[in-house]
Amino acid sequence: MRLRHILTLCAILLLAVVVASWVVFRQIRKTTESAIARQEEAVDLGSVVTQVRALSRLETASMHVVNVSTVSQSYGLLPNSIAGDEVTLFAAGDVIGGIDLGQITDRDVWREPDGTIVLRLPDPLILVSRIDNRETHVINRRTGFLRHADSGLEGRARQYAETQIRREAMQRGILPMASENAEGKLAPLLHQLGFAKVRFERRVMPSGSDAWRAMSSRA
């Protein structure tokens, strides 16, 4: 019986040692992984408001645009595998168009003999163009083995992509769309003010690079 108790006690002690060793091993592994894991920290070094201004802009059209582009550096006498630097960026961004109501003057609003209110709208503008950092990322980066990567190349690639996103939105007609949508927003407001007949005079950009031309529409 005594031998049996001794064996049972030894088994319990062995099991306790195994469990304790497993717990210690897990803790050591967790601590080690935490110590060697890559950590990133953002530190706010201060922000200052440098300008405040009142806005009277009406946003009336928005487009979400995707662009893929490559920005590269090269040397004429050396192959890119040795001295080149290249980044390919997948960029997504938003372009917002609208009109600046602050540009409307007394000369842009008049009433015709039949009671129609005429409002000449200002030219539509690109109010906002921005890169969406959540969707934008580097697809590929290739740097020659005899040079250091240019730390500013990705930033310039983002600037180029934003320009292309803005250009694509303009080619897709965001400005005429913004002008048309502005009428759709302003007409009900003028009707609520008691004007039964409303006519807009606006300028829209035709396809291609032709000059702007004046057009009128009724609401």
Foldseek 3Di string as FASTA:
>chain_A
DVVVVVVVVVVVVVVVVVVVVVVVVVVVVVVVCVVPDDDDDDDDPDDDDDDDDDFQWDWFFKDKDKDKDKDKDDDDVDDQQAAMKMWIKIWIKMWIKAAGPVPFDPVQWDADPVQEIEGETDFMDGPDIDIDPVPMDIPDIHGHPNDDHDPCRVVVVRVVRSVVRVVVCVQVFRRQSRVVRVCVVVVVVVVVVPRPWYKYKYWGDDHDDDDIDIDMDID
